[in-house]
Amino acid sequence: MSVNRFKTMKPLLFQSVGAPVATSAVLGTVDVLIVEFGFGGDVLARPAGVARSACRIFARIPPINRVTEDALFALLLNDIDGVVLSECRSRADVQRLDVMLRVAEASTSSRPQQIAILAEYGAVPESVLSPCSLHESSPRLEGLVFDGQKLAAATGCKPLPVRQDQVTTAPVAAGRAATVLRAREAGLACYDVLPQTAMTEIAARQAFAASRADGFSSVVCRSPEQAAWLKIGD
């Protein structure tokens, strides 16, 4: 896919297990509702019931070395639109997931290439240091997601400040740059996860502006409140 780097895209919204589901009005302002990994029950059914007509639904899955074909088969039975691959390390992880999804789609009689992929990039040092391009790694791959707090934890850095446009730690700065550059090289969208500390409208808007200034296509909201404050879809 090819992305207009100057266009602001709708944000994504992360749905934690057990957390209240956003209203349909808020879900209408986001492109994707990301549900934490889980199969059956209310883990996917409850958010899906609210979001189905408002936005797409992606399931966040474990790192590729912990995903099985049986698990993906069960996940696809929930009629999701895509998956978010956590802790993606390189092109090989994306390609391996593409093959596994192909098998799962065939087993569930889903349309070929029906399930899209977003990859968490820069959450582990391997992805920041990887020399491998993601260009044409998979026709399913739509974009990359960067979470500075996860990379900070993985590298032993101090917690990020409230303002993401303030000076930050060197590994996190490198991860942000690597994610944006890798996405632009491959013609992908790239999303910056808003900090947990952006707990007011002013803080959320400041973090969003800083993300756009750094070249991110949009952001991932951690709560319905953050999505409502931004209202990118209006």
Protein backbone atom coordinates (compact mmCIF):
# COMPACT_ATOMS: atom_id res chain seq x y z
CA MET A 1 0.00 0.00 0.00
CA SER A 2 1.05 3.61 -0.52
CA VAL A 3 0.39 6.23 2.17
CA ASN A 4 0.19 10.00 1.78
CA ARG A 5 2.66 11.09 4.45
CA PHE A 6 1.12 14.58 4.65
CA LYS A 7 -2.40 13.34 5.43
CA THR A 8 -3.49 12.83 9.03
CA MET A 9 -5.14 9.44 9.39
CA LYS A 10 -7.77 8.42 11.91
CA PRO A 11 -6.28 7.18 15.19
CA LEU A 12 -6.48 3.64 16.52
CA LEU A 13 -7.96 2.77 19.92
CA PHE A 14 -6.65 0.09 22.27
CA GLN A 15 -9.27 -1.88 24.23
CA SER A 16 -7.89 -3.40 27.42
CA VAL A 17 -9.43 -6.64 28.67
CA GLY A 18 -12.18 -5.84 31.16
CA ALA A 19 -12.18 -2.10 30.43
CA PRO A 20 -15.44 -0.34 29.45
CA VAL A 21 -16.06 -0.34 25.71
CA ALA A 22 -16.14 3.06 24.01
CA THR A 23 -19.44 4.40 22.75
CA SER A 24 -20.34 4.08 19.09
CA ALA A 25 -19.87 7.84 18.74
CA VAL A 26 -16.24 7.61 19.89
CA LEU A 27 -15.61 4.46 17.83
CA GLY A 28 -16.80 6.36 14.78
CA THR A 29 -13.77 8.66 15.13
CA VAL A 30 -11.19 5.84 15.01
CA ASP A 31 -10.14 3.51 12.20
CA VAL A 32 -9.45 0.40 14.28
CA LEU A 33 -10.39 -0.92 17.70
CA ILE A 34 -7.51 -3.10 18.96
CA VAL A 35 -8.58 -5.85 21.35
CA GLU A 36 -6.03 -7.65 23.49
CA PHE A 37 -5.28 -11.26 22.53
CA GLY A 38 -7.98 -13.76 23.52
CA PHE A 39 -10.35 -16.23 21.95
CA GLY A 40 -14.12 -16.52 22.33
CA GLY A 41 -16.24 -15.29 25.21
CA ASP A 42 -16.51 -11.59 25.93
CA VAL A 43 -12.86 -10.87 25.10
CA LEU A 44 -13.78 -10.22 21.46
CA ALA A 45 -17.56 -10.62 21.38
CA ARG A 46 -18.44 -7.67 23.62
CA PRO A 47 -16.27 -5.03 21.89
CA ALA A 48 -17.17 -6.44 18.48
CA GLY A 49 -20.88 -6.05 19.15
CA VAL A 50 -20.44 -2.32 19.76
CA ALA A 51 -17.76 -1.59 17.16
CA ARG A 52 -18.86 -3.67 14.19
CA SER A 53 -20.71 -0.89 12.37
CA ALA A 54 -18.41 1.92 13.54
CA CYS A 55 -14.83 0.78 12.84
CA ARG A 56 -12.64 -2.20 12.06
CA ILE A 57 -11.63 -4.71 14.74
CA PHE A 58 -8.07 -6.02 15.12
CA ALA A 59 -6.82 -8.51 17.71
CA ARG A 60 -3.40 -7.93 19.28
CA ILE A 61 -1.54 -11.24 19.23
CA PRO A 62 1.65 -12.40 20.99
CA PRO A 63 5.10 -12.33 19.37
CA ILE A 64 5.36 -14.63 16.35
CA ASN A 65 7.35 -17.32 18.20
CA ARG A 66 4.40 -17.77 20.58
CA VAL A 67 1.61 -17.87 17.97
CA THR A 68 0.23 -21.19 16.73
CA GLU A 69 -1.86 -21.98 13.66
CA ASP A 70 -4.58 -23.44 15.90
CA ALA A 71 -4.74 -20.17 17.83
CA LEU A 72 -5.07 -18.14 14.64
CA PHE A 73 -7.76 -20.50 13.36
CA ALA A 74 -9.77 -19.95 16.55
CA LEU A 75 -9.21 -16.21 16.35
CA LEU A 76 -10.47 -15.95 12.77
CA LEU A 77 -13.75 -17.55 13.81
CA ASN A 78 -14.51 -14.28 15.61
CA ASP A 79 -14.83 -12.46 12.28
CA ILE A 80 -12.08 -9.90 12.91
CA ASP A 81 -10.60 -7.58 10.29
CA GLY A 82 -6.94 -7.89 11.20
CA VAL A 83 -4.25 -8.57 13.76
CA VAL A 84 -1.60 -6.51 15.52
CA LEU A 85 1.65 -8.46 15.78
CA SER A 86 3.34 -7.59 19.06
CA GLU A 87 7.12 -7.26 19.38
CA CYS A 88 7.80 -7.56 15.65
CA ARG A 89 11.54 -7.91 15.15
CA SER A 90 11.99 -7.86 11.40
CA ARG A 91 10.68 -8.67 7.93
CA ALA A 92 10.88 -12.41 8.70
CA ASP A 93 8.28 -12.10 11.48
CA VAL A 94 5.80 -10.42 9.13
CA GLN A 95 6.35 -13.00 6.41
CA ARG A 96 5.95 -15.89 8.83
CA LEU A 97 2.67 -14.45 10.10
CA ASP A 98 1.46 -13.96 6.52
CA VAL A 99 1.99 -17.66 5.81
CA MET A 100 0.23 -18.70 9.02
CA LEU A 101 -2.74 -16.47 8.23
CA ARG A 102 -2.96 -17.97 4.76
CA VAL A 103 -3.32 -21.43 6.30
CA ALA A 104 -5.86 -20.21 8.86
CA GLU A 105 -7.93 -18.45 6.18
CA ALA A 106 -8.04 -21.60 4.08
CA SER A 107 -9.14 -23.62 7.12
CA THR A 108 -11.97 -21.21 7.95
CA SER A 109 -13.10 -20.59 4.35
CA SER A 110 -12.19 -16.91 4.73
CA ARG A 111 -11.36 -14.77 1.71
CA PRO A 112 -7.66 -14.92 0.81
CA GLN A 113 -5.79 -11.89 2.18
CA GLN A 114 -8.90 -10.95 4.20
CA ILE A 115 -6.97 -10.42 7.44
CA ALA A 116 -4.79 -7.29 7.56
CA ILE A 117 -1.63 -6.86 9.64
CA LEU A 118 -0.33 -4.03 11.80
CA ALA A 119 3.07 -4.65 13.37
CA GLU A 120 4.38 -3.27 16.65
CA TYR A 121 7.77 -1.95 15.60
CA GLY A 122 10.48 -0.53 17.80
CA ALA A 123 9.14 -2.24 20.94
CA VAL A 124 12.24 -4.44 21.08
CA PRO A 125 15.87 -3.55 20.23
CA GLU A 126 16.00 -6.12 17.39
CA SER A 127 13.53 -4.14 15.27
CA VAL A 128 15.33 -0.82 15.81
CA LEU A 129 18.61 -2.42 14.74
CA SER A 130 17.23 -4.57 11.89
CA PRO A 131 18.74 -3.75 8.46
CA CYS A 132 15.87 -5.46 6.62
CA SER A 133 13.31 -3.43 4.66
CA LEU A 134 9.60 -4.15 5.12
CA HIS A 135 8.82 -3.17 1.53
CA GLU A 136 6.60 -5.86 -0.04
CA SER A 137 7.10 -8.13 2.97
CA SER A 138 3.37 -8.88 2.88
CA PRO A 139 0.40 -7.41 0.98
CA ARG A 140 -1.48 -7.57 4.29
CA LEU A 141 0.85 -5.20 6.11
CA GLU A 142 -0.86 -1.81 6.53
CA GLY A 143 1.32 -0.05 9.03
CA LEU A 144 3.66 0.04 12.02
CA VAL A 145 2.88 0.87 15.64
CA PHE A 146 5.48 2.39 17.95
CA ASP A 147 5.15 2.33 21.75
CA GLY A 148 7.92 4.33 23.38
CA GLN A 149 7.03 3.10 26.86
CA LYS A 150 7.56 -0.53 25.82
CA LEU A 151 10.93 0.23 24.28
CA ALA A 152 11.90 2.21 27.37
CA ALA A 153 11.04 -0.78 29.55
CA ALA A 154 12.90 -3.17 27.23
CA THR A 155 16.07 -1.07 27.40
CA GLY A 156 15.92 -0.06 31.05
CA CYS A 157 15.19 3.62 30.39
CA LYS A 158 13.35 5.93 32.75
CA PRO A 159 9.61 6.50 32.15
CA LEU A 160 8.75 8.97 29.42
CA PRO A 161 7.63 12.50 30.37
CA VAL A 162 4.07 13.75 29.86
CA ARG A 163 5.12 15.84 26.87
CA GLN A 164 6.43 13.70 24.05
CA ASP A 165 7.98 16.77 22.38
CA GLN A 166 10.36 17.17 25.31
CA VAL A 167 13.86 15.70 25.24
CA THR A 168 13.57 11.93 25.60
CA THR A 169 15.98 9.04 26.11
CA ALA A 170 18.34 8.05 23.30
CA PRO A 171 16.91 4.51 22.70
CA VAL A 172 13.35 5.85 22.50
CA ALA A 173 14.40 8.65 20.14
CA ALA A 174 16.16 6.07 17.95
CA GLY A 175 13.10 3.82 18.03
CA ARG A 176 10.78 6.64 16.99
CA ALA A 177 13.05 7.56 14.10
CA ALA A 178 13.52 3.95 13.02
CA THR A 179 9.76 3.32 12.97
CA VAL A 180 8.94 6.40 10.90
CA LEU A 181 11.80 5.81 8.46
CA ARG A 182 11.04 2.11 8.07
CA ALA A 183 7.36 2.87 7.42
CA ARG A 184 8.10 5.59 4.89
CA GLU A 185 10.59 3.38 3.07
CA ALA A 186 7.92 0.70 2.68
CA GLY A 187 5.01 3.06 1.95
CA LEU A 188 3.22 2.15 5.18
CA ALA A 189 1.28 4.13 7.75
CA CYS A 190 2.91 4.56 11.16
CA TYR A 191 1.22 5.13 14.50
CA ASP A 192 2.61 6.47 17.77
CA VAL A 193 1.02 5.14 20.99
CA LEU A 194 -0.02 8.05 23.19
CA PRO A 195 1.60 8.06 26.63
CA GLN A 196 -0.43 6.89 29.62
CA THR A 197 0.34 10.21 31.24
CA ALA A 198 -1.67 12.13 28.61
CA MET A 199 -4.68 12.24 30.91
CA THR A 200 -6.09 15.63 29.91
CA GLU A 201 -7.29 17.03 26.61
CA ILE A 202 -4.39 19.47 26.46
CA ALA A 203 -1.81 16.74 27.14
CA ALA A 204 -3.37 14.39 24.56
CA ARG A 205 -3.46 17.10 21.89
CA GLN A 206 0.13 18.11 22.62
CA ALA A 207 1.31 14.49 22.33
CA PHE A 208 -0.65 14.08 19.10
CA ALA A 209 0.88 17.25 17.62
CA ALA A 210 4.37 16.05 18.58
CA SER A 211 3.72 12.69 16.90
CA ARG A 212 2.59 14.33 13.68
CA ALA A 213 5.59 16.67 13.77
CA ASP A 214 7.85 13.61 13.98
CA GLY A 215 6.25 12.11 10.87
CA PHE A 216 3.75 9.65 12.33
CA SER A 217 0.53 9.21 10.35
CA SER A 218 -1.57 9.24 13.51
CA VAL A 219 -1.65 7.83 17.04
CA VAL A 220 -2.96 4.91 19.07
CA CYS A 221 -5.23 6.06 21.89
CA ARG A 222 -5.01 4.17 25.16
CA SER A 223 -8.51 5.14 26.28
CA PRO A 224 -11.84 6.27 24.83
CA GLU A 225 -11.26 9.64 26.50
CA GLN A 226 -8.10 10.24 24.48
CA ALA A 227 -9.95 9.39 21.26
CA ALA A 228 -12.82 11.71 22.16
CA TRP A 229 -10.43 14.58 22.89
CA LEU A 230 -8.72 14.26 19.51
CA LYS A 231 -11.84 13.79 17.35
CA ILE A 232 -9.75 13.28 14.21
CA GLY A 233 -12.67 11.64 12.47
CA ASP A 234 -14.93 14.70 12.77
